[in-house]
Amino acid sequence: MDIVSQKQCEDCKKYFPATPMHFPLDRYNEHGIHSKCRHCYKCRPKQKFHLANPSKSPSDLSLDRKLIPEGMKKCRSCKAVLSATCDYFNVHKSGRDGLRTICKKCSDKGKENPIAKEKKCNKCLQLFPATREFFSPAKRTNKGDIVWRSVCRECYQESRKKYEPLLEGEKQCGTCLKRKPVCDFHRNSGVRDGLNSICKLCTSERQRSIPIEKIREYNRRRDYGISPQEYDIRFSEQGGACAVCRMAETCIDPRSGKVKPLSLDHNHQTKQNRGLLCHACNVALGYMRDDPKNIRALADYAELWQYRELG
C-alpha cells in the first residue's frame, strides 16, 4: 500500500495529505500543488482593489464607498458621483452592479483616440479629425477604443446610394457598379450566391492591365515548376536559339506587339520538361504527336519531292 506524504499549510500550519483533495493545483510550484490548503486558499484576502490603486489601502477604498449615498455611483475617471442608472453609465453584465465603472461622458471621450487626431479618407484623400462627425465607427477593440472606417461619412453615404435594390436575375458589379445579368459574371463556389463580385468585362480589363511577362512567369511556375532564373539559364545554354532549327524566335505576340519568348517543350504524358523551341517547331512537334516515326516519314516525304523538283 502506498503511503501518501504529508504537507504543511503555509497559513494554518496544519498537516494534510499532499493530494489535490486538500491542496489546489499549481503548475508553477515545484510539487504541482499550492503551498496553502484549500480552506486557507479560499479565505485569502482579495487584493485586486489594492493593486489597482496602490496609493490607497483597501480600508480607504471601502471608506470611499460608504461615503457615497445609496443609489449613486462614482465615476472612476472623472470622480463625479452620478445616479447609478443607465442614463449615466453603460450596461456591463459582469459588473458588480450591472454597470460600467466609467460614466458615458468619459467613455465617449475615450472612444475618440487622442493619438490619431487626424485621419485620411481613402476615397477623397482629404484629412479630417478622427471624430464621429467625419468618420463612422467600423468596430471596437477589447479596450473600448474605436476603429474608424477608412472612408469619411460623405464618401460612405455616396457609395451606399449607388447600391439600389436589385431585381431577380441581376447582380451589381463591385468595380463598375453597373447592374448586369447573372450570365455576365464568372462562377465562384466560394461565394454565397456562387458568382464573382466583378463582372466578366471588368475581370478581363483587370487581367489586361497585368504585364504579360508576369503572366508568363506565373504560368511557367504553375504548369512546369520552372522559375525565371532557371528559364534564363536554359536560354543562355541554347544560345538564345531554338533547340531544333537553331534560329531565333520571330513570331510576334498580338497582345504586346513584341517577339514571343521561346516556348518550353515538355512531355504531355510524363510532364517532364525538355528544351526551348520556337513557336513553329513547337507547333509542328505537337501536330506530329511527338512520334519519331511521323517526323522521319515527313522528312523523307519532303526530301523525296525536293529531289523530284530538282530533277
Protein backbone atom coordinates (compact mmCIF):
# COMPACT_ATOMS: atom_id res chain seq x y z
CA MET A 1 0.00 0.00 0.00
CA ASP A 2 1.40 3.40 -0.96
CA ILE A 3 1.97 5.88 1.86
CA VAL A 4 0.83 9.42 0.96
CA SER A 5 3.30 12.10 2.04
CA GLN A 6 2.17 14.92 4.34
CA LYS A 7 2.39 18.62 3.54
CA GLN A 8 2.14 21.61 5.92
CA CYS A 9 -0.12 24.53 5.05
CA GLU A 10 1.64 27.86 4.84
CA ASP A 11 -1.07 29.76 6.79
CA CYS A 12 -2.71 27.45 9.33
CA LYS A 13 0.45 25.35 9.83
CA LYS A 14 -1.57 22.12 9.77
CA TYR A 15 -0.51 18.91 8.06
CA PHE A 16 -2.63 17.37 5.32
CA PRO A 17 -2.04 14.64 2.71
CA ALA A 18 -0.23 16.13 -0.30
CA THR A 19 -3.09 15.43 -2.71
CA PRO A 20 -5.30 17.69 -4.88
CA MET A 21 -8.16 16.90 -2.49
CA HIS A 22 -6.51 19.03 0.25
CA PHE A 23 -4.31 21.41 -1.79
CA PRO A 24 -5.29 23.21 -5.03
CA LEU A 25 -3.24 22.53 -8.13
CA ASP A 26 -0.45 24.98 -9.01
CA ARG A 27 1.68 24.25 -12.08
CA TYR A 28 4.27 26.88 -11.06
CA ASN A 29 5.00 25.11 -7.77
CA GLU A 30 7.74 22.53 -7.51
CA HIS A 31 5.40 19.70 -6.42
CA GLY A 32 2.47 20.76 -8.61
CA ILE A 33 0.22 21.80 -5.69
CA HIS A 34 -0.29 25.10 -3.84
CA SER A 35 1.51 25.93 -0.59
CA LYS A 36 -1.84 26.74 1.09
CA CYS A 37 -4.59 24.27 1.85
CA ARG A 38 -7.93 24.61 0.13
CA HIS A 39 -9.61 26.26 3.14
CA CYS A 40 -6.87 28.91 3.53
CA TYR A 41 -6.71 29.41 -0.23
CA LYS A 42 -10.44 30.26 -0.35
CA CYS A 43 -10.19 32.57 2.67
CA ARG A 44 -7.20 34.53 1.35
CA PRO A 45 -7.69 38.36 1.25
CA LYS A 46 -8.70 39.89 -2.06
CA GLN A 47 -6.09 42.41 -3.20
CA LYS A 48 -7.36 43.45 -6.63
CA PHE A 49 -8.53 46.89 -5.42
CA HIS A 50 -5.24 47.45 -3.65
CA LEU A 51 -3.31 46.53 -6.82
CA ALA A 52 -5.48 48.80 -8.97
CA ASN A 53 -4.93 51.74 -6.60
CA PRO A 54 -1.51 51.26 -4.94
CA SER A 55 -1.70 54.73 -3.36
CA LYS A 56 -4.78 53.70 -1.34
CA SER A 57 -5.21 50.83 1.05
CA PRO A 58 -8.29 48.56 0.96
CA SER A 59 -9.66 50.27 4.04
CA ASP A 60 -9.56 53.68 2.32
CA LEU A 61 -11.43 52.27 -0.69
CA SER A 62 -14.15 50.78 1.48
CA LEU A 63 -14.43 54.12 3.29
CA ASP A 64 -14.99 55.91 -0.04
CA ARG A 65 -17.82 53.52 -0.89
CA LYS A 66 -19.50 54.16 2.44
CA LEU A 67 -19.47 57.92 1.84
CA ILE A 68 -21.33 57.54 -1.50
CA PRO A 69 -25.12 57.72 -0.98
CA GLU A 70 -27.28 54.74 -1.82
CA GLY A 71 -28.40 54.65 -5.43
CA MET A 72 -25.41 56.74 -6.54
CA LYS A 73 -22.19 55.70 -8.25
CA LYS A 74 -18.78 57.32 -8.55
CA CYS A 75 -17.09 57.50 -11.95
CA ARG A 76 -13.61 56.03 -11.85
CA SER A 77 -12.31 58.53 -14.40
CA CYS A 78 -13.81 61.96 -13.61
CA LYS A 79 -14.61 61.11 -9.91
CA ALA A 80 -18.13 62.53 -10.33
CA VAL A 81 -20.92 60.99 -8.21
CA LEU A 82 -23.89 60.26 -10.50
CA SER A 83 -27.09 58.30 -10.36
CA ALA A 84 -26.46 54.56 -10.76
CA THR A 85 -28.77 54.22 -13.76
CA CYS A 86 -28.44 53.53 -17.46
CA ASP A 87 -28.78 57.26 -18.13
CA TYR A 88 -25.27 57.93 -16.83
CA PHE A 89 -23.49 54.54 -17.03
CA ASN A 90 -23.39 51.91 -19.76
CA VAL A 91 -24.62 48.40 -19.01
CA HIS A 92 -21.98 45.81 -18.11
CA LYS A 93 -23.29 42.33 -17.25
CA SER A 94 -20.18 41.13 -15.44
CA GLY A 95 -20.02 44.26 -13.25
CA ARG A 96 -20.91 44.18 -9.56
CA ASP A 97 -23.99 46.37 -10.01
CA GLY A 98 -24.52 45.62 -13.71
CA LEU A 99 -23.00 48.97 -14.79
CA ARG A 100 -19.61 50.08 -16.00
CA THR A 101 -17.19 51.89 -13.69
CA ILE A 102 -16.81 54.84 -16.10
CA CYS A 103 -19.66 57.20 -16.95
CA LYS A 104 -20.92 57.68 -20.50
CA LYS A 105 -19.18 61.02 -20.99
CA CYS A 106 -15.78 59.62 -20.07
CA SER A 107 -16.32 56.52 -22.19
CA ASP A 108 -17.23 58.70 -25.21
CA LYS A 109 -14.05 60.69 -24.70
CA GLY A 110 -12.00 57.52 -24.61
CA LYS A 111 -13.56 56.30 -27.85
CA GLU A 112 -12.07 59.20 -29.75
CA ASN A 113 -8.44 58.19 -29.96
CA PRO A 114 -6.35 61.21 -28.91
CA ILE A 115 -3.25 59.81 -30.64
CA ALA A 116 -4.85 59.75 -34.12
CA LYS A 117 -6.08 63.38 -34.20
CA GLU A 118 -6.43 63.37 -37.99
CA LYS A 119 -7.37 60.63 -40.41
CA LYS A 120 -7.12 60.48 -44.19
CA CYS A 121 -10.08 59.35 -46.28
CA ASN A 122 -9.04 56.64 -48.74
CA LYS A 123 -11.51 57.86 -51.39
CA CYS A 124 -11.37 61.67 -51.42
CA LEU A 125 -7.81 61.70 -49.93
CA GLN A 126 -8.63 64.56 -47.53
CA LEU A 127 -7.65 64.91 -43.89
CA PHE A 128 -10.41 65.11 -41.27
CA PRO A 129 -10.44 64.99 -37.44
CA ALA A 130 -10.83 61.42 -36.20
CA THR A 131 -14.25 62.03 -34.63
CA ARG A 132 -17.81 60.82 -35.14
CA GLU A 133 -18.64 63.95 -37.12
CA PHE A 134 -16.45 62.88 -40.05
CA PHE A 135 -15.98 59.09 -39.67
CA SER A 136 -18.34 56.32 -38.66
CA PRO A 137 -17.05 53.54 -36.39
CA ALA A 138 -16.25 50.20 -38.00
CA LYS A 139 -15.55 48.08 -34.92
CA ARG A 140 -14.42 48.34 -31.30
CA THR A 141 -11.36 46.81 -29.65
CA ASN A 142 -11.29 44.99 -26.31
CA LYS A 143 -10.06 48.17 -24.58
CA GLY A 144 -13.08 50.12 -25.79
CA ASP A 145 -11.24 52.09 -28.50
CA ILE A 146 -12.99 52.62 -31.82
CA VAL A 147 -11.50 51.65 -35.18
CA TRP A 148 -12.79 54.18 -37.69
CA ARG A 149 -13.82 53.39 -41.26
CA SER A 150 -11.27 54.04 -43.98
CA VAL A 151 -13.77 56.29 -45.80
CA CYS A 152 -15.31 59.52 -44.48
CA ARG A 153 -19.05 59.80 -43.86
CA GLU A 154 -19.82 61.72 -47.08
CA CYS A 155 -17.96 59.28 -49.32
CA TYR A 156 -19.50 56.34 -47.48
CA GLN A 157 -23.04 57.69 -47.94
CA GLU A 158 -22.41 58.36 -51.64
CA SER A 159 -21.18 54.82 -52.15
CA ARG A 160 -24.23 53.42 -50.35
CA LYS A 161 -26.58 55.40 -52.60
CA LYS A 162 -25.23 53.61 -55.67
CA TYR A 163 -26.28 50.23 -54.30
CA GLU A 164 -30.02 50.13 -55.00
CA PRO A 165 -32.27 47.08 -54.58
CA LEU A 166 -31.67 44.58 -57.39
CA LEU A 167 -34.22 42.74 -59.48
CA GLU A 168 -34.34 38.99 -59.79
CA GLY A 169 -31.63 37.63 -62.08
CA GLU A 170 -29.46 40.75 -61.72
CA LYS A 171 -26.20 41.46 -59.93
CA GLN A 172 -24.26 44.65 -59.40
CA CYS A 173 -20.57 44.72 -60.31
CA GLY A 174 -18.27 45.81 -57.50
CA THR A 175 -15.96 47.71 -59.86
CA CYS A 176 -18.10 49.49 -62.45
CA LEU A 177 -21.21 49.49 -60.16
CA LYS A 178 -23.48 48.59 -63.10
CA ARG A 179 -26.42 46.25 -62.98
CA LYS A 180 -25.88 43.27 -65.24
CA PRO A 181 -27.48 39.86 -65.84
CA VAL A 182 -26.19 36.92 -63.88
CA CYS A 183 -24.69 35.42 -67.04
CA ASP A 184 -22.16 38.30 -67.16
CA PHE A 185 -20.41 37.03 -64.02
CA HIS A 186 -18.00 34.13 -63.65
CA ARG A 187 -18.89 31.32 -61.28
CA ASN A 188 -17.26 31.17 -57.84
CA SER A 189 -18.22 28.37 -55.46
CA GLY A 190 -16.60 30.17 -52.51
CA VAL A 191 -19.19 32.99 -52.54
CA ARG A 192 -22.69 32.88 -51.09
CA ASP A 193 -24.50 33.42 -54.41
CA GLY A 194 -21.96 31.35 -56.39
CA LEU A 195 -20.84 34.28 -58.58
CA ASN A 196 -17.88 36.63 -58.61
CA SER A 197 -18.38 40.15 -57.32
CA ILE A 198 -16.78 41.57 -60.50
CA CYS A 199 -18.33 41.17 -63.97
CA LYS A 200 -16.54 39.43 -66.84
CA LEU A 201 -15.74 42.70 -68.63
CA CYS A 202 -14.05 44.27 -65.57
CA THR A 203 -12.23 40.99 -64.89
CA SER A 204 -10.78 40.91 -68.43
CA GLU A 205 -9.76 44.58 -68.18
CA ARG A 206 -8.03 43.89 -64.88
CA GLN A 207 -6.18 40.94 -66.40
CA ARG A 208 -5.09 43.05 -69.37
CA SER A 209 -3.56 45.58 -67.00
CA ILE A 210 -1.21 42.86 -65.67
CA PRO A 211 2.09 42.77 -67.63
CA ILE A 212 2.27 39.79 -69.98
CA GLU A 213 5.78 38.91 -68.68
CA LYS A 214 4.46 38.34 -65.16
CA ILE A 215 1.64 36.15 -66.51
CA ARG A 216 4.13 34.00 -68.42
CA GLU A 217 6.37 33.64 -65.37
CA TYR A 218 3.39 32.63 -63.25
CA ASN A 219 2.20 30.07 -65.84
CA ARG A 220 5.68 28.52 -66.15
CA ARG A 221 5.97 28.20 -62.38
CA ARG A 222 2.44 26.76 -62.04
CA ASP A 223 2.46 24.35 -65.01
CA TYR A 224 6.11 23.36 -65.33
CA GLY A 225 7.66 24.27 -61.96
CA ILE A 226 10.37 26.47 -63.52
CA SER A 227 11.43 29.79 -62.02
CA PRO A 228 12.55 32.78 -64.15
CA GLN A 229 16.17 32.13 -63.17
CA GLU A 230 16.04 28.52 -64.42
CA TYR A 231 14.46 29.65 -67.68
CA ASP A 232 17.25 32.20 -68.21
CA ILE A 233 19.88 29.50 -67.58
CA ARG A 234 18.34 27.23 -70.24
CA PHE A 235 18.03 30.14 -72.64
CA SER A 236 21.72 31.02 -72.23
CA GLU A 237 22.78 27.34 -72.62
CA GLN A 238 20.99 27.19 -76.01
CA GLY A 239 22.50 30.49 -77.09
CA GLY A 240 19.11 32.19 -77.34
CA ALA A 241 18.07 29.97 -80.28
CA CYS A 242 15.62 27.13 -80.86
CA ALA A 243 16.88 23.63 -79.94
CA VAL A 244 15.66 22.22 -83.32
CA CYS A 245 16.11 24.82 -86.09
CA ARG A 246 18.85 26.82 -84.27
CA MET A 247 17.05 30.03 -85.19
CA ALA A 248 15.88 32.89 -83.01
CA GLU A 249 12.18 33.40 -82.39
CA THR A 250 10.40 35.58 -84.96
CA CYS A 251 6.73 35.12 -84.00
CA ILE A 252 5.15 38.32 -82.63
CA ASP A 253 2.68 38.29 -79.77
CA PRO A 254 -0.51 40.18 -80.84
CA ARG A 255 -1.24 41.28 -77.24
CA SER A 256 2.06 43.00 -76.55
CA GLY A 257 3.32 43.57 -80.12
CA LYS A 258 6.73 42.13 -79.16
CA VAL A 259 8.57 38.97 -80.17
CA LYS A 260 7.47 35.94 -78.16
CA PRO A 261 9.97 34.17 -75.92
CA LEU A 262 10.96 30.59 -76.72
CA SER A 263 8.34 28.05 -75.68
CA LEU A 264 9.17 25.41 -73.07
CA ASP A 265 8.65 21.96 -74.61
CA HIS A 266 7.50 19.13 -72.31
CA ASN A 267 6.21 15.58 -72.45
CA HIS A 268 2.43 15.61 -72.14
CA GLN A 269 2.33 12.15 -70.56
CA THR A 270 5.20 12.25 -68.04
CA LYS A 271 5.11 16.07 -67.63
CA GLN A 272 8.91 16.13 -67.96
CA ASN A 273 10.38 19.40 -69.21
CA ARG A 274 12.54 19.37 -72.34
CA GLY A 275 14.28 22.07 -74.39
CA LEU A 276 13.22 25.53 -75.54
CA LEU A 277 11.62 25.65 -79.00
CA CYS A 278 10.41 28.40 -81.27
CA HIS A 279 6.71 28.74 -81.96
CA ALA A 280 6.84 26.99 -85.38
CA CYS A 281 8.86 23.97 -84.17
CA ASN A 282 6.76 23.63 -81.04
CA VAL A 283 3.51 23.61 -83.04
CA ALA A 284 4.95 21.20 -85.64
CA LEU A 285 6.09 18.80 -82.93
CA GLY A 286 2.62 18.89 -81.43
CA TYR A 287 0.97 18.13 -84.78
CA MET A 288 3.34 15.17 -85.18
CA ARG A 289 2.11 13.89 -81.78
CA ASP A 290 5.72 13.65 -80.55
CA ASP A 291 6.12 10.46 -82.62
CA PRO A 292 9.62 9.99 -84.18
CA LYS A 293 8.18 7.76 -86.93
CA ASN A 294 5.86 10.51 -88.15
CA ILE A 295 8.69 13.04 -88.02
CA ARG A 296 11.04 10.78 -90.05
CA ALA A 297 8.29 9.99 -92.58
CA LEU A 298 7.61 13.70 -93.02
CA ALA A 299 11.33 14.37 -93.51
CA ASP A 300 11.56 11.58 -96.10
CA TYR A 301 8.50 12.94 -97.88
CA ALA A 302 9.98 16.45 -98.04
CA GLU A 303 13.33 15.13 -99.32
CA LEU A 304 11.62 12.97 -101.97
CA TRP A 305 9.68 15.82 -103.52
CA GLN A 306 12.63 18.15 -103.24
CA TYR A 307 14.69 15.58 -105.23
CA ARG A 308 11.93 15.24 -107.86
CA GLU A 309 11.54 19.01 -108.28
CA LEU A 310 15.26 19.45 -108.77
CA GLY A 311 15.19 16.65 -111.34
